[in-house]
C-alpha atoms as a PDB file:
ATOM      1  CA  MET A   1     -23.209  33.846  23.528  1.00  0.00           C
ATOM      2  CA  SER A   2     -22.498  37.566  23.585  1.00  0.00           C
ATOM      3  CA  SER A   3     -24.370  39.757  26.032  1.00  0.00           C
ATOM      4  CA  LEU A   4     -25.946  41.644  23.118  1.00  0.00           C
ATOM      5  CA  ILE A   5     -27.398  38.425  21.706  1.00  0.00           C
ATOM      6  CA  ALA A   6     -28.508  37.310  25.166  1.00  0.00           C
ATOM      7  CA  GLU A   7     -30.298  40.645  25.668  1.00  0.00           C
ATOM      8  CA  ARG A   8     -32.039  40.292  22.303  1.00  0.00           C
ATOM      9  CA  THR A   9     -33.156  36.684  22.837  1.00  0.00           C
ATOM     10  CA  GLY A  10     -34.535  37.301  26.334  1.00  0.00           C
ATOM     11  CA  PRO A  11     -37.306  39.738  25.353  1.00  0.00           C
ATOM     12  CA  LEU A  12     -38.128  37.739  22.216  1.00  0.00           C
ATOM     13  CA  ALA A  13     -38.761  34.642  24.277  1.00  0.00           C
ATOM     14  CA  ALA A  14     -41.077  36.621  26.559  1.00  0.00           C
ATOM     15  CA  THR A  15     -43.188  37.825  23.618  1.00  0.00           C
ATOM     16  CA  GLY A  16     -43.466  34.383  22.074  1.00  0.00           C
ATOM     17  CA  CYS A  17     -41.524  35.431  18.979  1.00  0.00           C
ATOM     18  CA  THR A  18     -39.198  32.670  17.813  1.00  0.00           C
ATOM     19  CA  PRO A  19     -36.368  33.011  15.304  1.00  0.00           C
ATOM     20  CA  GLY A  20     -37.444  32.411  11.716  1.00  0.00           C
ATOM     21  CA  GLY A  21     -35.765  30.336   9.038  1.00  0.00           C
ATOM     22  CA  ALA A  22     -36.208  27.100   7.203  1.00  0.00           C
ATOM     23  CA  GLN A  23     -36.146  24.990  10.367  1.00  0.00           C
ATOM     24  CA  ALA A  24     -38.764  27.100  12.115  1.00  0.00           C
ATOM     25  CA  GLU A  25     -40.895  27.343   8.967  1.00  0.00           C
ATOM     26  CA  GLY A  26     -40.646  31.105   9.361  1.00  0.00           C
ATOM     27  CA  ALA A  27     -39.141  33.903   7.326  1.00  0.00           C
ATOM     28  CA  TRP A  28     -36.384  33.104   4.853  1.00  0.00           C
ATOM     29  CA  LEU A  29     -33.199  35.118   4.622  1.00  0.00           C
ATOM     30  CA  THR A  30     -31.478  35.415   1.258  1.00  0.00           C
ATOM     31  CA  ALA A  31     -27.921  36.632   0.741  1.00  0.00           C
ATOM     32  CA  THR A  32     -26.435  37.513  -2.643  1.00  0.00           C
ATOM     33  CA  ILE A  33     -22.740  37.527  -3.539  1.00  0.00           C
ATOM     34  CA  ARG A  34     -21.575  39.096  -6.818  1.00  0.00           C
ATOM     35  CA  PRO A  35     -17.888  38.396  -7.384  1.00  0.00           C
ATOM     36  CA  VAL A  36     -16.076  39.858 -10.397  1.00  0.00           C
ATOM     37  CA  GLY A  37     -13.257  38.301 -12.397  1.00  0.00           C
ATOM     38  CA  MET A  38     -11.482  34.984 -11.986  1.00  0.00           C
ATOM     39  CA  ILE A  39     -12.045  33.421  -8.562  1.00  0.00           C
ATOM     40  CA  CYS A  40      -8.852  31.439  -8.153  1.00  0.00           C
ATOM     41  CA  ARG A  41      -7.244  29.148  -5.617  1.00  0.00           C
ATOM     42  CA  CYS A  42      -5.786  32.106  -3.683  1.00  0.00           C
ATOM     43  CA  ASP A  43      -9.339  33.414  -3.083  1.00  0.00           C
ATOM     44  CA  ALA A  44     -10.640  30.129  -1.645  1.00  0.00           C
ATOM     45  CA  ASP A  45      -9.973  30.855   2.034  1.00  0.00           C
ATOM     46  CA  ARG A  46     -11.580  34.300   1.924  1.00  0.00           C
ATOM     47  CA  LEU A  47     -14.566  32.915   0.023  1.00  0.00           C
ATOM     48  CA  ALA A  48     -14.876  30.057   2.536  1.00  0.00           C
ATOM     49  CA  VAL A  49     -15.108  32.479   5.472  1.00  0.00           C
ATOM     50  CA  MET A  50     -17.887  34.423   3.770  1.00  0.00           C
ATOM     51  CA  LEU A  51     -19.842  31.421   2.462  1.00  0.00           C
ATOM     52  CA  ASP A  52     -19.599  29.507   5.754  1.00  0.00           C
ATOM     53  CA  ALA A  53     -21.034  32.503   7.620  1.00  0.00           C
ATOM     54  CA  LEU A  54     -23.800  33.034   5.080  1.00  0.00           C
ATOM     55  CA  ALA A  55     -24.651  29.331   4.864  1.00  0.00           C
ATOM     56  CA  GLY A  56     -25.075  29.250   8.636  1.00  0.00           C
ATOM     57  CA  ALA A  57     -27.264  32.353   8.750  1.00  0.00           C
ATOM     58  CA  SER A  58     -29.227  32.280   5.490  1.00  0.00           C
ATOM     59  CA  SER A  59     -31.866  30.120   3.914  1.00  0.00           C
ATOM     60  CA  VAL A  60     -30.771  30.824   0.360  1.00  0.00           C
ATOM     61  CA  VAL A  61     -27.405  32.060  -0.879  1.00  0.00           C
ATOM     62  CA  VAL A  62     -27.323  33.419  -4.421  1.00  0.00           C
ATOM     63  CA  LEU A  63     -23.885  33.322  -6.018  1.00  0.00           C
ATOM     64  CA  ASP A  64     -24.221  35.647  -8.998  1.00  0.00           C
ATOM     65  CA  LEU A  65     -21.477  34.536 -11.386  1.00  0.00           C
ATOM     66  CA  GLN A  66     -22.427  36.644 -14.404  1.00  0.00           C
ATOM     67  CA  ALA A  67     -19.195  38.645 -14.088  1.00  0.00           C
ATOM     68  CA  ALA A  68     -17.011  35.891 -12.611  1.00  0.00           C
ATOM     69  CA  ARG A  69     -15.439  32.581 -13.526  1.00  0.00           C
ATOM     70  CA  ILE A  70     -14.353  29.588 -11.446  1.00  0.00           C
ATOM     71  CA  GLU A  71     -11.870  27.001 -12.674  1.00  0.00           C
ATOM     72  CA  SER A  72     -10.250  26.043  -9.364  1.00  0.00           C
ATOM     73  CA  ALA A  73     -11.199  22.716  -7.789  1.00  0.00           C
ATOM     74  CA  ARG A  74     -10.382  24.207  -4.376  1.00  0.00           C
ATOM     75  CA  VAL A  75     -12.874  27.044  -4.909  1.00  0.00           C
ATOM     76  CA  ALA A  76     -15.462  24.561  -6.189  1.00  0.00           C
ATOM     77  CA  ASP A  77     -14.981  22.497  -3.005  1.00  0.00           C
ATOM     78  CA  VAL A  78     -15.554  25.609  -0.862  1.00  0.00           C
ATOM     79  CA  ILE A  79     -18.777  26.343  -2.727  1.00  0.00           C
ATOM     80  CA  GLY A  80     -19.812  22.696  -2.475  1.00  0.00           C
ATOM     81  CA  ARG A  81     -19.282  22.690   1.293  1.00  0.00           C
ATOM     82  CA  ALA A  82     -21.470  25.789   1.718  1.00  0.00           C
ATOM     83  CA  ALA A  83     -24.115  24.284  -0.576  1.00  0.00           C
ATOM     84  CA  ALA A  84     -24.121  21.087   1.501  1.00  0.00           C
ATOM     85  CA  LEU A  85     -24.560  23.094   4.727  1.00  0.00           C
ATOM     86  CA  LEU A  86     -27.521  24.917   3.225  1.00  0.00           C
ATOM     87  CA  ASP A  87     -28.997  21.724   1.798  1.00  0.00           C
ATOM     88  CA  ALA A  88     -28.798  20.020   5.209  1.00  0.00           C
ATOM     89  CA  ARG A  89     -30.971  22.847   6.581  1.00  0.00           C
ATOM     90  CA  ASP A  90     -33.442  22.682   3.658  1.00  0.00           C
ATOM     91  CA  GLY A  91     -31.821  25.741   2.083  1.00  0.00           C
ATOM     92  CA  CYS A  92     -30.171  26.184  -1.267  1.00  0.00           C
ATOM     93  CA  LEU A  93     -27.140  27.707  -2.969  1.00  0.00           C
ATOM     94  CA  LEU A  94     -28.150  29.149  -6.335  1.00  0.00           C
ATOM     95  CA  CYS A  95     -25.499  29.854  -8.956  1.00  0.00           C
ATOM     96  CA  VAL A  96     -26.831  32.471 -11.364  1.00  0.00           C
ATOM     97  CA  GLY A  97     -25.237  33.058 -14.748  1.00  0.00           C
ATOM     98  CA  ALA A  98     -22.423  30.517 -14.495  1.00  0.00           C
ATOM     99  CA  ASP A  99     -20.615  30.026 -17.813  1.00  0.00           C
ATOM    100  CA  GLY A 100     -19.785  26.585 -19.216  1.00  0.00           C
ATOM    101  CA  PRO A 101     -16.315  26.173 -17.642  1.00  0.00           C
ATOM    102  CA  THR A 102     -17.611  27.312 -14.245  1.00  0.00           C
ATOM    103  CA  ARG A 103     -20.545  24.895 -14.374  1.00  0.00           C
ATOM    104  CA  ALA A 104     -18.220  22.069 -15.388  1.00  0.00           C
ATOM    105  CA  CYS A 105     -15.841  22.851 -12.525  1.00  0.00           C
ATOM    106  CA  LEU A 106     -18.648  22.865  -9.939  1.00  0.00           C
ATOM    107  CA  GLU A 107     -20.174  19.693 -11.385  1.00  0.00           C
ATOM    108  CA  ARG A 108     -16.789  17.894 -11.254  1.00  0.00           C
ATOM    109  CA  ALA A 109     -16.559  18.820  -7.575  1.00  0.00           C
ATOM    110  CA  GLY A 110     -20.037  17.406  -6.984  1.00  0.00           C
ATOM    111  CA  ALA A 111     -21.215  20.709  -5.503  1.00  0.00           C
ATOM    112  CA  PRO A 112     -24.953  20.415  -4.732  1.00  0.00           C
ATOM    113  CA  VAL A 113     -25.832  23.785  -6.239  1.00  0.00           C
ATOM    114  CA  ALA A 114     -28.778  24.796  -8.374  1.00  0.00           C
ATOM    115  CA  PHE A 115     -27.869  26.533 -11.639  1.00  0.00           C
ATOM    116  CA  VAL A 116     -30.109  29.350 -12.827  1.00  0.00           C
ATOM    117  CA  ASP A 117     -29.717  31.267 -16.059  1.00  0.00           C
ATOM    118  CA  PRO A 118     -30.155  35.022 -15.710  1.00  0.00           C
ATOM    119  CA  PRO A 119     -33.184  36.611 -17.353  1.00  0.00           C
ATOM    120  CA  GLN A 120     -32.488  37.732 -20.895  1.00  0.00           C
ATOM    121  CA  VAL A 121     -33.063  41.444 -21.277  1.00  0.00           C
ATOM    122  CA  GLY A 122     -33.977  42.935 -24.633  1.00  0.00           C
ATOM    123  CA  LEU A 123     -35.020  39.708 -26.361  1.00  0.00           C
ATOM    124  CA  LEU A 124     -38.526  40.916 -27.015  1.00  0.00           C
ATOM    125  CA  SER A 125     -39.068  43.453 -29.730  1.00  0.00           C
ATOM    126  CA  ALA A 126     -40.681  46.790 -28.872  1.00  0.00           C
ATOM    127  CA  GLY A 127     -43.913  45.719 -30.619  1.00  0.00           C
ATOM    128  CA  GLN A 128     -44.584  42.750 -28.341  1.00  0.00           C
END
């Protein structure tokens, strides 16, 4: 543990303040990632580093795929691994705005993600 972290945890313990999160039934941390374009096999390692860190530190990770597409099984496996880490801690990986091919790719990989459609803007007429 770094000395900075040790210094921060010492005083917290003295005040009775415990770290939050799903396990402690405290505050939830949410992280959002908004990739753009095709996320391909060559991006898998970089994505894994980011998702592994976020899955270990967050309660919910939102992967906003409205401007991105995934067709790589390797990328889907990376996302599935992060989703499984979150799920094991009672967290969740939400995929927002995934198109049909992206959903199919993640489903083939068995990634335990929750799919959410983005809100539709402008569907209501001005008179409603």
